[in-house]
């Protein structure tokens, strides 16, 4: 009697590698949101058995973006609070996240990335062209 043997293609199963284990630094958790999926990283105090380190580097605004923000601010006579963005890296992995530059006017937060001709209002779902920035600064000023 002949016994059926499935082909290798139907029996081999490949699983993605598991997420990296990260340890807690201090008492805070680091949350990274990518494409509406939330990844939480817990990093333990430095010392024994370290696996990943969180490195946060401040980013400068590009001169072009700085000029556009200042133009809209001056044109609308709007006082703003500017917070520069960060590059957050988890070493020695290849995971990185760019925290956007933020302009805060009243209860509105405008999010900007260097080298992009768009901005976001309050979250990454509300996207607009930089040419509309002055209109949104006026709306935020009036509210």
N, C-alpha and C. Protein backbone atom coordinates (compact mmCIF):
# COMPACT_ATOMS: atom_id res chain seq x y z
N UNK A 1 0.83 -1.17 0.00
CA UNK A 1 0.00 0.00 0.00
C UNK A 1 0.89 1.25 0.00
N UNK A 2 0.49 2.29 -0.78
CA UNK A 2 1.26 3.53 -0.89
C UNK A 2 0.65 4.58 0.06
N UNK A 3 1.54 5.23 0.82
CA UNK A 3 1.08 6.25 1.76
C UNK A 3 1.27 7.63 1.14
N UNK A 4 0.26 8.48 1.25
CA UNK A 4 0.33 9.83 0.68
C UNK A 4 1.33 10.67 1.47
N UNK A 5 2.23 11.36 0.75
CA UNK A 5 3.16 12.28 1.38
C UNK A 5 2.99 13.65 0.73
N UNK A 6 2.55 14.65 1.50
CA UNK A 6 2.34 15.97 0.92
C UNK A 6 3.67 16.58 0.47
N UNK A 7 3.57 17.48 -0.50
CA UNK A 7 4.79 18.12 -1.00
C UNK A 7 5.36 19.03 0.07
N UNK A 8 6.62 19.36 -0.09
CA UNK A 8 7.28 20.25 0.87
C UNK A 8 6.63 21.63 0.90
N UNK A 9 6.12 22.08 -0.23
CA UNK A 9 5.51 23.42 -0.28
C UNK A 9 4.27 23.51 0.61
N UNK A 10 3.54 22.44 0.73
CA UNK A 10 2.34 22.50 1.56
C UNK A 10 2.62 22.19 3.02
N UNK A 11 3.80 21.69 3.34
CA UNK A 11 4.10 21.37 4.74
C UNK A 11 5.01 22.38 5.40
N UNK A 12 5.78 23.11 4.66
CA UNK A 12 6.67 24.09 5.27
C UNK A 12 5.88 25.33 5.66
N UNK A 13 6.06 25.76 6.87
CA UNK A 13 5.38 26.96 7.36
C UNK A 13 6.44 27.89 7.91
N UNK A 14 6.39 29.14 7.47
CA UNK A 14 7.35 30.13 7.96
C UNK A 14 6.61 31.13 8.84
N UNK A 15 7.13 31.34 10.01
CA UNK A 15 6.55 32.32 10.93
C UNK A 15 7.47 33.53 10.98
N UNK A 16 6.89 34.72 11.12
CA UNK A 16 7.75 35.90 11.27
C UNK A 16 8.53 35.81 12.57
N UNK A 17 9.68 36.45 12.59
CA UNK A 17 10.47 36.41 13.81
C UNK A 17 9.72 37.14 14.92
N UNK A 18 9.89 36.75 16.16
CA UNK A 18 9.16 37.39 17.25
C UNK A 18 9.63 38.83 17.44
N UNK A 19 8.76 39.63 18.03
CA UNK A 19 9.12 41.03 18.30
C UNK A 19 10.28 41.06 19.28
N UNK A 20 11.14 42.08 19.17
CA UNK A 20 12.29 42.15 20.09
C UNK A 20 11.82 42.39 21.52
N UNK A 21 12.52 41.78 22.45
CA UNK A 21 12.22 42.01 23.86
C UNK A 21 12.96 43.26 24.29
N UNK A 22 12.26 44.15 24.93
CA UNK A 22 12.85 45.42 25.34
C UNK A 22 12.68 45.55 26.83
N UNK A 23 13.60 46.20 27.50
CA UNK A 23 13.53 46.37 28.94
C UNK A 23 13.24 47.81 29.33
N UNK A 24 12.74 48.06 30.52
CA UNK A 24 12.26 49.39 30.95
C UNK A 24 13.39 50.27 31.48
N UNK A 25 13.46 51.53 31.00
CA UNK A 25 14.40 52.52 31.49
C UNK A 25 13.59 53.46 32.36
N UNK A 26 13.89 53.52 33.63
CA UNK A 26 13.11 54.36 34.53
C UNK A 26 11.75 53.72 34.78
N UNK A 27 10.73 54.56 34.89
CA UNK A 27 9.40 54.03 35.20
C UNK A 27 8.41 54.29 34.09
N UNK A 28 8.87 54.73 32.92
CA UNK A 28 7.93 55.08 31.86
C UNK A 28 7.93 54.05 30.76
N UNK A 29 6.81 53.95 30.07
CA UNK A 29 6.68 53.10 28.90
C UNK A 29 6.83 53.97 27.67
N UNK A 30 7.31 53.41 26.60
CA UNK A 30 7.43 54.14 25.35
C UNK A 30 6.40 53.55 24.40
N UNK A 31 5.53 54.38 23.84
CA UNK A 31 4.54 53.89 22.90
C UNK A 31 4.85 54.43 21.52
N UNK A 32 4.88 53.56 20.55
CA UNK A 32 5.14 53.95 19.17
C UNK A 32 3.94 53.51 18.35
N UNK A 33 3.32 54.44 17.62
CA UNK A 33 2.17 54.12 16.79
C UNK A 33 2.58 54.22 15.33
N UNK A 34 2.38 53.14 14.62
CA UNK A 34 2.72 53.09 13.21
C UNK A 34 1.51 52.55 12.45
N UNK A 35 1.02 53.30 11.49
CA UNK A 35 -0.09 52.86 10.64
C UNK A 35 -1.26 52.33 11.45
N UNK A 36 -1.67 53.06 12.46
CA UNK A 36 -2.81 52.72 13.32
C UNK A 36 -2.61 51.46 14.15
N UNK A 37 -1.43 50.91 14.16
CA UNK A 37 -1.13 49.77 15.03
C UNK A 37 -0.25 50.28 16.16
N UNK A 38 -0.53 49.83 17.33
CA UNK A 38 0.22 50.32 18.49
C UNK A 38 1.22 49.26 18.95
N UNK A 39 2.46 49.66 19.08
CA UNK A 39 3.50 48.79 19.59
C UNK A 39 3.97 49.37 20.91
N UNK A 40 3.95 48.63 21.96
CA UNK A 40 4.41 49.13 23.25
C UNK A 40 5.75 48.50 23.58
N UNK A 41 6.68 49.31 24.01
CA UNK A 41 8.00 48.83 24.38
C UNK A 41 8.22 49.12 25.85
N UNK A 42 8.66 48.13 26.59
CA UNK A 42 8.98 48.31 27.98
C UNK A 42 10.48 48.13 28.12
N UNK A 43 11.14 49.10 28.70
CA UNK A 43 12.60 49.07 28.77
C UNK A 43 13.03 49.09 30.23
N UNK A 44 13.83 48.11 30.66
CA UNK A 44 14.25 48.02 32.05
C UNK A 44 15.46 48.89 32.31
N UNK A 45 15.74 49.13 33.59
CA UNK A 45 16.86 49.96 33.98
C UNK A 45 18.16 49.44 33.38
N UNK A 46 19.06 50.37 33.04
CA UNK A 46 20.35 49.97 32.49
C UNK A 46 21.11 49.15 33.52
N UNK A 47 21.84 48.23 33.04
CA UNK A 47 22.61 47.38 33.93
C UNK A 47 22.72 46.01 33.33
N UNK A 48 22.24 45.04 34.07
CA UNK A 48 22.36 43.67 33.58
C UNK A 48 21.29 43.34 32.54
N UNK A 49 21.67 42.54 31.59
CA UNK A 49 20.77 42.02 30.57
C UNK A 49 20.07 43.10 29.74
N UNK A 50 20.76 44.18 29.42
CA UNK A 50 20.15 45.20 28.54
C UNK A 50 20.00 44.63 27.15
N UNK A 51 18.90 44.98 26.50
CA UNK A 51 18.72 44.54 25.13
C UNK A 51 18.58 45.73 24.20
N UNK A 52 17.72 46.68 24.53
CA UNK A 52 17.54 47.86 23.68
C UNK A 52 17.66 49.13 24.51
N UNK A 53 18.25 50.15 23.92
CA UNK A 53 18.33 51.46 24.54
C UNK A 53 17.50 52.44 23.72
N UNK A 54 16.80 53.32 24.40
CA UNK A 54 16.01 54.35 23.71
C UNK A 54 16.89 55.58 23.56
N UNK A 55 17.07 56.03 22.33
CA UNK A 55 17.87 57.22 22.07
C UNK A 55 16.97 58.25 21.42
N UNK A 56 16.85 59.41 22.06
CA UNK A 56 15.97 60.48 21.59
C UNK A 56 16.84 61.66 21.17
N UNK A 57 16.80 61.99 19.87
CA UNK A 57 17.61 63.09 19.34
C UNK A 57 16.69 64.19 18.83
N UNK A 58 16.97 65.43 19.23
CA UNK A 58 16.16 66.56 18.80
C UNK A 58 16.44 66.86 17.33
N UNK A 59 15.38 67.13 16.57
CA UNK A 59 15.50 67.48 15.16
C UNK A 59 15.32 68.98 14.97
N UNK A 60 16.07 69.55 14.05
CA UNK A 60 15.89 70.96 13.71
C UNK A 60 14.86 71.09 12.59
N UNK A 61 14.13 72.19 12.60
CA UNK A 61 13.22 72.46 11.49
C UNK A 61 14.04 72.77 10.26
N UNK A 62 13.58 72.31 9.11
CA UNK A 62 14.26 72.66 7.87
C UNK A 62 14.03 74.16 7.63
N UNK A 63 14.98 74.85 7.00
CA UNK A 63 14.83 76.29 6.77
C UNK A 63 13.56 76.63 5.99
N UNK A 64 13.20 75.79 5.03
CA UNK A 64 12.00 76.03 4.23
C UNK A 64 10.74 75.94 5.08
N UNK A 65 10.65 74.93 5.92
CA UNK A 65 9.49 74.76 6.80
C UNK A 65 9.41 75.87 7.83
N UNK A 66 10.56 76.24 8.38
CA UNK A 66 10.61 77.33 9.36
C UNK A 66 10.10 78.63 8.75
N UNK A 67 10.50 78.90 7.50
CA UNK A 67 10.07 80.11 6.80
C UNK A 67 8.56 80.12 6.59
N UNK A 68 7.99 78.99 6.21
CA UNK A 68 6.54 78.90 5.96
C UNK A 68 5.75 79.09 7.25
N UNK A 69 6.22 78.48 8.34
CA UNK A 69 5.53 78.62 9.62
C UNK A 69 5.60 80.07 10.10
N UNK A 70 6.78 80.68 10.01
CA UNK A 70 6.92 82.08 10.42
C UNK A 70 6.09 83.02 9.56
N UNK A 71 6.01 82.74 8.26
CA UNK A 71 5.19 83.58 7.39
C UNK A 71 3.72 83.53 7.81
N UNK A 72 3.20 82.31 8.02
CA UNK A 72 1.79 82.16 8.42
C UNK A 72 1.55 82.79 9.79
N UNK A 73 2.51 82.65 10.70
CA UNK A 73 2.38 83.23 12.04
C UNK A 73 2.33 84.75 11.95
N UNK A 74 3.23 85.36 11.18
CA UNK A 74 3.28 86.82 11.06
C UNK A 74 2.09 87.36 10.28
N UNK A 75 1.67 86.65 9.24
CA UNK A 75 0.56 87.12 8.40
C UNK A 75 -0.75 87.14 9.19
N UNK A 76 -0.94 86.16 10.06
CA UNK A 76 -2.18 86.07 10.82
C UNK A 76 -2.05 86.69 12.21
N UNK A 77 -0.87 87.19 12.56
CA UNK A 77 -0.61 87.76 13.89
C UNK A 77 -1.02 86.79 15.00
N UNK A 78 -0.62 85.57 14.84
CA UNK A 78 -1.01 84.52 15.78
C UNK A 78 0.18 84.15 16.67
N UNK A 79 0.01 84.21 17.99
CA UNK A 79 1.08 83.72 18.87
C UNK A 79 1.07 82.19 18.86
N UNK A 80 2.24 81.61 18.70
CA UNK A 80 2.33 80.14 18.63
C UNK A 80 3.33 79.63 19.66
N UNK A 81 3.18 78.36 19.99
CA UNK A 81 4.18 77.66 20.81
C UNK A 81 4.76 76.57 19.91
N UNK A 82 6.06 76.59 19.68
CA UNK A 82 6.72 75.65 18.78
C UNK A 82 7.52 74.64 19.59
N UNK A 83 7.28 73.36 19.33
CA UNK A 83 8.06 72.28 19.93
C UNK A 83 8.74 71.50 18.80
N UNK A 84 10.05 71.43 18.87
CA UNK A 84 10.79 70.70 17.83
C UNK A 84 10.58 69.21 17.98
N UNK A 85 10.63 68.50 16.86
CA UNK A 85 10.44 67.06 16.85
C UNK A 85 11.67 66.30 17.29
N UNK A 86 11.53 64.99 17.37
CA UNK A 86 12.61 64.12 17.79
C UNK A 86 12.71 62.91 16.87
N UNK A 87 13.90 62.38 16.82
CA UNK A 87 14.11 61.07 16.21
C UNK A 87 14.32 60.11 17.38
N UNK A 88 13.44 59.11 17.49
CA UNK A 88 13.51 58.16 18.58
C UNK A 88 13.99 56.84 17.98
N UNK A 89 15.16 56.38 18.45
CA UNK A 89 15.74 55.14 17.95
C UNK A 89 15.83 54.12 19.07
N UNK A 90 15.61 52.87 18.74
CA UNK A 90 15.78 51.78 19.69
C UNK A 90 16.99 50.98 19.23
N UNK A 91 18.10 51.13 19.95
CA UNK A 91 19.33 50.45 19.55
C UNK A 91 19.52 49.21 20.38
N UNK A 92 20.07 48.18 19.86
CA UNK A 92 20.73 48.01 18.58
C UNK A 92 19.79 47.56 17.45
N UNK A 93 18.49 47.68 17.60
CA UNK A 93 17.57 47.28 16.53
C UNK A 93 17.54 48.34 15.43
N UNK A 94 16.77 48.07 14.39
CA UNK A 94 16.63 49.04 13.31
C UNK A 94 15.31 49.80 13.42
N UNK A 95 14.68 49.79 14.61
CA UNK A 95 13.42 50.50 14.81
C UNK A 95 13.69 51.96 15.09
N UNK A 96 12.94 52.83 14.40
CA UNK A 96 13.06 54.27 14.62
C UNK A 96 11.71 54.91 14.38
N UNK A 97 11.47 56.04 15.02
CA UNK A 97 10.22 56.76 14.90
C UNK A 97 10.54 58.24 14.87
N UNK A 98 9.91 58.98 13.97
CA UNK A 98 10.11 60.43 13.91
C UNK A 98 8.92 61.08 14.60
N UNK A 99 9.20 61.75 15.69
CA UNK A 99 8.19 62.53 16.40
C UNK A 99 8.10 63.87 15.68
N UNK A 100 6.94 64.29 15.19
CA UNK A 100 6.86 65.50 14.37
C UNK A 100 7.08 66.78 15.16
N UNK A 101 7.41 67.85 14.42
CA UNK A 101 7.45 69.19 15.02
C UNK A 101 6.01 69.58 15.31
N UNK A 102 5.81 70.32 16.41
CA UNK A 102 4.45 70.69 16.80
C UNK A 102 4.34 72.20 16.96
N UNK A 103 3.27 72.76 16.41
CA UNK A 103 2.91 74.15 16.65
C UNK A 103 1.57 74.11 17.37
N UNK A 104 1.53 74.73 18.56
CA UNK A 104 0.32 74.71 19.37
C UNK A 104 -0.29 76.10 19.41
N UNK A 105 -1.57 76.18 19.01
CA UNK A 105 -2.34 77.42 19.05
C UNK A 105 -3.66 77.08 19.72
N UNK A 106 -3.92 77.70 20.86
CA UNK A 106 -5.11 77.40 21.67
C UNK A 106 -5.22 75.89 21.89
N UNK A 107 -6.30 75.26 21.46
CA UNK A 107 -6.44 73.82 21.67
C UNK A 107 -6.14 73.02 20.40
N UNK A 108 -5.46 73.61 19.43
CA UNK A 108 -5.09 72.93 18.18
C UNK A 108 -3.60 72.62 18.21
N UNK A 109 -3.26 71.44 17.73
CA UNK A 109 -1.86 71.05 17.57
C UNK A 109 -1.63 70.75 16.10
N UNK A 110 -0.69 71.49 15.50
CA UNK A 110 -0.33 71.30 14.10
C UNK A 110 0.96 70.49 14.06
N UNK A 111 0.96 69.43 13.26
CA UNK A 111 2.10 68.52 13.18
C UNK A 111 2.80 68.68 11.83
N UNK A 112 4.13 68.82 11.86
CA UNK A 112 4.92 69.05 10.66
C UNK A 112 6.09 68.07 10.60
N UNK A 113 6.41 67.62 9.39
CA UNK A 113 7.59 66.80 9.15
C UNK A 113 8.48 67.54 8.16
N UNK A 114 9.80 67.48 8.35
CA UNK A 114 10.73 68.10 7.41
C UNK A 114 10.62 67.46 6.04
N UNK A 115 10.72 68.27 4.99
CA UNK A 115 10.75 67.77 3.63
C UNK A 115 9.41 67.34 3.06
N UNK A 116 8.32 67.69 3.73
CA UNK A 116 6.99 67.30 3.27
C UNK A 116 6.16 68.58 3.10
N UNK A 117 5.37 68.66 2.04
CA UNK A 117 4.55 69.85 1.78
C UNK A 117 3.15 69.73 2.36
N UNK A 118 3.02 68.97 3.43
CA UNK A 118 1.73 68.83 4.09
C UNK A 118 1.91 69.01 5.59
N UNK A 119 0.80 69.24 6.28
CA UNK A 119 0.79 69.29 7.73
C UNK A 119 -0.46 68.59 8.22
N UNK A 120 -0.51 68.32 9.49
CA UNK A 120 -1.63 67.60 10.08
C UNK A 120 -2.19 68.43 11.23
N UNK A 121 -3.50 68.30 11.47
CA UNK A 121 -4.14 69.03 12.55
C UNK A 121 -4.60 68.01 13.60
N UNK A 122 -4.05 68.12 14.80
CA UNK A 122 -4.39 67.32 15.98
C UNK A 122 -4.01 65.84 15.89
N UNK A 123 -4.05 65.21 14.73
CA UNK A 123 -3.63 63.82 14.60
C UNK A 123 -3.19 63.57 13.16
N UNK A 124 -2.69 62.39 12.90
CA UNK A 124 -2.15 62.09 11.57
C UNK A 124 -3.23 61.69 10.56
N UNK A 125 -4.48 61.82 10.91
CA UNK A 125 -5.57 61.51 9.99
C UNK A 125 -6.06 62.74 9.24
N UNK A 126 -5.82 63.93 9.78
CA UNK A 126 -6.32 65.19 9.22
C UNK A 126 -5.19 65.90 8.48
N UNK A 127 -5.00 65.59 7.20
CA UNK A 127 -3.86 66.05 6.40
C UNK A 127 -4.26 67.21 5.49
N UNK A 128 -3.37 68.25 5.39
CA UNK A 128 -3.63 69.42 4.57
C UNK A 128 -2.34 69.89 3.90
N UNK A 129 -2.48 70.64 2.81
CA UNK A 129 -1.31 71.22 2.13
C UNK A 129 -0.80 72.43 2.90
N UNK A 130 0.51 72.67 2.82
CA UNK A 130 1.10 73.83 3.50
C UNK A 130 0.55 75.15 2.97
N UNK A 131 0.03 75.16 1.76
CA UNK A 131 -0.55 76.39 1.21
C UNK A 131 -1.80 76.82 1.99
N UNK A 132 -2.41 75.90 2.75
CA UNK A 132 -3.60 76.22 3.55
C UNK A 132 -3.26 76.58 4.99
N UNK A 133 -1.98 76.64 5.33
CA UNK A 133 -1.57 76.84 6.72
C UNK A 133 -2.11 78.12 7.32
N UNK A 134 -2.06 79.19 6.58
CA UNK A 134 -2.51 80.49 7.12
C UNK A 134 -4.00 80.46 7.44
N UNK A 135 -4.79 79.76 6.64
CA UNK A 135 -6.23 79.63 6.90
C UNK A 135 -6.46 78.88 8.22
N UNK A 136 -5.72 77.82 8.45
CA UNK A 136 -5.89 77.05 9.67
C UNK A 136 -5.36 77.78 10.90
N UNK A 137 -4.30 78.58 10.74
CA UNK A 137 -3.82 79.41 11.85
C UNK A 137 -4.90 80.41 12.25
N UNK A 138 -5.59 81.01 11.27
CA UNK A 138 -6.67 81.96 11.58
C UNK A 138 -7.80 81.27 12.34
N UNK A 139 -8.19 80.07 11.86
CA UNK A 139 -9.25 79.33 12.54
C UNK A 139 -8.87 78.97 13.98
N UNK A 140 -7.64 78.57 14.17
CA UNK A 140 -7.19 78.20 15.51
C UNK A 140 -7.11 79.42 16.42
N UNK A 141 -6.73 80.55 15.86
CA UNK A 141 -6.62 81.79 16.64
C UNK A 141 -7.99 82.24 17.13
N UNK A 142 -9.02 82.10 16.28
CA UNK A 142 -10.36 82.57 16.61
C UNK A 142 -11.09 81.66 17.59
N UNK A 143 -10.66 80.41 17.72
CA UNK A 143 -11.40 79.50 18.62
C UNK A 143 -10.94 79.59 20.04
